[in-house]
Amino acid sequence: MRKLKLQVQITVDGFIAGPNAEMDWITFNWDDGLKDYVTELTESMDMIVLGRNLAQGFIPHWAAVAQNPEHDEHLAGIKFTDTPKVVFSKTLDESAWDNTVLAKGDLVEEINRLKEQDGPDIIAYGGANFVSNLIKHNLIDEYHLFMNPAVIGNGMSIFHGVDSKLDLKLVNAVPFACGIVVLHYEPKRS
């Protein structure tokens, strides 16, 4: 069975965005070690799942990067653009993006159906509500939390939907020169 891996930027105090979706706290000057970590993580997957809110910025951004050979992240742009994407939405009737399909059914059923397909792993990116629902329903198999050296005091949490204890096992904690610490957890399942 395929794993669903979550990669998300997070503050020390547990937020993935400010109260008005601010992202000005994110560390962008990644060192080569962190870039290598992300490359290894994304090479292990062949599908991206996203919530509609994030998809509306994420997909066009990476498509523009893929079209610009001079961009520092050109190869990442190609990877993200060429990788099949599933956008979870109750409001969109059709996908406006290439290589992207919509999932409009029950989140748990849709994710489990994707995980049961043959192939490499799946990676999930935000937004907050989408990821919160994945966590609430215990659908994440690996957490890759990119803890940025920032505290914002208030904002959007991916853990606000959790209504019971979630036990996690630390697989690895890796500090990087840019100040980000990647915390890799797996859920403890009986």
Protein backbone atom coordinates (compact mmCIF):
# COMPACT_ATOMS: atom_id res chain seq x y z
CA MET A 1 0.00 0.00 0.00
CA ARG A 2 1.22 3.49 -0.84
CA LYS A 3 2.04 5.89 1.98
CA LEU A 4 0.59 9.37 2.29
CA LYS A 5 3.38 11.75 3.31
CA LEU A 6 2.77 15.26 4.56
CA GLN A 7 5.31 18.02 3.91
CA VAL A 8 4.43 21.30 5.56
CA GLN A 9 6.12 24.49 6.74
CA ILE A 10 5.32 25.18 10.39
CA THR A 11 6.26 27.71 13.06
CA VAL A 12 7.79 26.77 16.39
CA ASP A 13 4.38 27.48 17.96
CA GLY A 14 2.58 25.16 15.54
CA PHE A 15 1.02 27.38 12.86
CA ILE A 16 1.26 26.91 9.08
CA ALA A 17 0.04 30.44 8.29
CA GLY A 18 -0.85 33.61 10.11
CA PRO A 19 -4.48 34.44 10.96
CA ASN A 20 -4.92 36.06 7.53
CA ALA A 21 -2.89 33.37 5.71
CA GLU A 22 0.37 35.31 6.10
CA MET A 23 3.45 33.35 5.10
CA ASP A 24 6.07 36.06 5.74
CA TRP A 25 7.67 33.98 8.52
CA ILE A 26 8.86 31.20 6.18
CA THR A 27 12.60 30.77 5.73
CA PHE A 28 13.31 30.81 2.00
CA ASN A 29 17.12 30.73 1.94
CA TRP A 30 17.35 26.94 2.13
CA ASP A 31 20.79 25.40 2.36
CA ASP A 32 21.87 22.55 0.08
CA GLY A 33 21.19 19.93 2.77
CA LEU A 34 17.54 20.94 3.06
CA LYS A 35 17.18 21.09 -0.73
CA ASP A 36 18.58 17.55 -0.91
CA TYR A 37 16.11 16.40 1.78
CA VAL A 38 13.19 17.79 -0.22
CA THR A 39 14.49 16.27 -3.45
CA GLU A 40 14.74 12.85 -1.82
CA LEU A 41 11.25 13.20 -0.33
CA THR A 42 9.64 14.25 -3.61
CA GLU A 43 11.46 11.59 -5.64
CA SER A 44 9.69 8.93 -3.55
CA MET A 45 6.25 10.01 -4.76
CA ASP A 46 4.29 10.10 -7.99
CA MET A 47 1.13 11.93 -6.89
CA ILE A 48 0.33 15.16 -5.09
CA VAL A 49 -2.88 15.75 -3.14
CA LEU A 50 -3.98 19.28 -2.30
CA GLY A 51 -6.91 21.20 -0.97
CA ARG A 52 -8.55 23.66 -3.36
CA ASN A 53 -7.32 26.77 -1.54
CA LEU A 54 -3.65 25.86 -1.80
CA ALA A 55 -4.03 24.44 -5.30
CA GLN A 56 -5.13 27.81 -6.66
CA GLY A 57 -1.70 29.29 -5.90
CA PHE A 58 0.53 26.21 -5.84
CA ILE A 59 -0.26 24.80 -9.30
CA PRO A 60 0.04 28.07 -11.29
CA HIS A 61 3.20 29.05 -9.37
CA TRP A 62 5.03 25.81 -10.19
CA ALA A 63 3.78 25.86 -13.80
CA ALA A 64 5.33 29.32 -14.24
CA VAL A 65 8.58 28.12 -12.63
CA ALA A 66 8.64 25.11 -14.98
CA GLN A 67 8.34 27.41 -17.99
CA ASN A 68 11.33 29.52 -16.93
CA PRO A 69 14.65 27.68 -17.47
CA GLU A 70 16.47 30.57 -15.74
CA HIS A 71 14.57 30.10 -12.46
CA ASP A 72 16.60 28.61 -9.57
CA GLU A 73 13.86 26.04 -8.96
CA HIS A 74 13.19 25.18 -12.61
CA LEU A 75 13.68 21.42 -12.11
CA ALA A 76 11.37 21.41 -9.08
CA GLY A 77 8.82 23.28 -11.18
CA ILE A 78 8.98 20.59 -13.83
CA LYS A 79 8.63 17.85 -11.18
CA PHE A 80 5.58 19.49 -9.57
CA THR A 81 3.99 20.31 -12.92
CA ASP A 82 4.51 16.85 -14.42
CA THR A 83 3.40 14.94 -11.32
CA PRO A 84 -0.32 14.01 -11.36
CA LYS A 85 -2.29 16.04 -8.86
CA VAL A 86 -5.60 15.41 -7.10
CA VAL A 87 -7.35 18.50 -5.78
CA PHE A 88 -10.02 17.98 -3.14
CA SER A 89 -12.90 20.39 -3.63
CA LYS A 90 -16.61 20.56 -2.97
CA THR A 91 -16.99 23.81 -4.93
CA LEU A 92 -15.14 23.33 -8.24
CA ASP A 93 -16.93 21.59 -11.08
CA GLU A 94 -13.88 20.99 -13.26
CA SER A 95 -10.12 21.29 -13.03
CA ALA A 96 -8.60 24.42 -14.51
CA TRP A 97 -5.11 22.90 -14.41
CA ASP A 98 -3.19 20.45 -16.57
CA ASN A 99 -2.38 17.03 -15.13
CA THR A 100 -4.90 17.58 -12.32
CA VAL A 101 -8.16 15.87 -11.43
CA LEU A 102 -10.74 16.78 -8.82
CA ALA A 103 -11.81 14.57 -5.95
CA LYS A 104 -15.31 15.49 -4.82
CA GLY A 105 -16.25 12.43 -2.77
CA ASP A 106 -15.70 11.50 0.84
CA LEU A 107 -12.15 12.41 1.90
CA VAL A 108 -11.43 9.14 3.72
CA GLU A 109 -12.76 6.97 0.89
CA GLU A 110 -10.93 8.98 -1.79
CA ILE A 111 -7.58 8.95 0.04
CA ASN A 112 -7.82 5.24 0.87
CA ARG A 113 -8.66 4.50 -2.79
CA LEU A 114 -5.56 6.44 -3.89
CA LYS A 115 -3.38 4.69 -1.31
CA GLU A 116 -4.58 1.27 -2.52
CA GLN A 117 -3.45 1.95 -6.09
CA ASP A 118 -0.12 0.57 -7.27
CA GLY A 119 2.81 2.94 -7.43
CA PRO A 120 5.14 5.09 -5.38
CA ASP A 121 3.99 7.16 -2.43
CA ILE A 122 1.72 10.21 -2.37
CA ILE A 123 2.60 13.59 -0.92
CA ALA A 124 0.14 16.01 0.65
CA TYR A 125 0.54 19.76 0.83
CA GLY A 126 -1.89 22.14 2.59
CA GLY A 127 -3.98 24.16 3.17
CA ALA A 128 -4.78 24.15 6.80
CA ASN A 129 -8.33 22.78 6.64
CA PHE A 130 -7.45 20.04 4.14
CA VAL A 131 -4.44 18.86 6.15
CA SER A 132 -6.37 19.14 9.40
CA ASN A 133 -8.97 16.76 8.01
CA LEU A 134 -6.30 14.31 6.82
CA ILE A 135 -4.84 14.32 10.35
CA LYS A 136 -8.24 14.09 12.04
CA HIS A 137 -9.02 10.92 10.07
CA ASN A 138 -5.54 9.46 10.69
CA LEU A 139 -4.75 9.29 6.96
CA ILE A 140 -1.15 10.58 7.18
CA ASP A 141 1.54 7.86 7.23
CA GLU A 142 4.56 10.17 7.53
CA TYR A 143 4.78 13.72 8.83
CA HIS A 144 7.62 15.90 7.54
CA LEU A 145 7.22 19.10 9.57
CA PHE A 146 9.60 21.86 8.43
CA MET A 147 9.86 23.84 11.65
CA ASN A 148 10.88 27.38 10.82
CA PRO A 149 12.70 29.53 13.39
CA ALA A 150 9.71 31.79 13.97
CA VAL A 151 6.93 32.27 16.50
CA ILE A 152 3.83 34.14 15.31
CA GLY A 153 1.51 33.77 18.32
CA ASN A 154 -1.67 33.18 16.35
CA GLY A 155 -2.67 31.65 13.05
CA MET A 156 -3.87 28.59 11.19
CA SER A 157 -3.14 25.21 12.74
CA ILE A 158 -3.24 21.82 11.07
CA PHE A 159 -4.02 20.19 14.41
CA HIS A 160 -7.23 22.09 15.29
CA GLY A 161 -9.45 19.24 14.05
CA VAL A 162 -7.83 16.56 16.20
CA ASP A 163 -10.40 15.44 18.75
CA SER A 164 -8.44 12.65 20.42
CA LYS A 165 -4.83 11.95 21.31
CA LEU A 166 -2.53 11.34 18.36
CA ASP A 167 0.57 9.37 19.30
CA LEU A 168 3.55 9.92 17.03
CA LYS A 169 6.94 8.19 16.86
CA LEU A 170 9.95 10.36 16.04
CA VAL A 171 11.79 8.85 13.08
CA ASN A 172 14.32 11.62 12.66
CA ALA A 173 15.00 15.25 13.57
CA VAL A 174 17.40 17.03 11.25
CA PRO A 175 18.61 20.59 11.83
CA PHE A 176 19.73 22.56 8.79
CA ALA A 177 22.09 25.52 8.54
CA CYS A 178 19.28 27.82 7.36
CA GLY A 179 17.58 27.41 10.75
CA ILE A 180 14.85 24.96 9.75
CA VAL A 181 14.58 21.69 11.67
CA VAL A 182 12.75 18.89 9.87
CA LEU A 183 10.81 16.68 12.26
CA HIS A 184 9.91 13.34 10.67
CA TYR A 185 7.19 11.48 12.57
CA GLU A 186 5.06 8.41 11.92
CA PRO A 187 1.79 7.72 13.73
CA LYS A 188 1.86 4.91 16.28
CA ARG A 189 -0.81 2.51 15.05
CA SER A 190 -1.91 -0.59 16.89
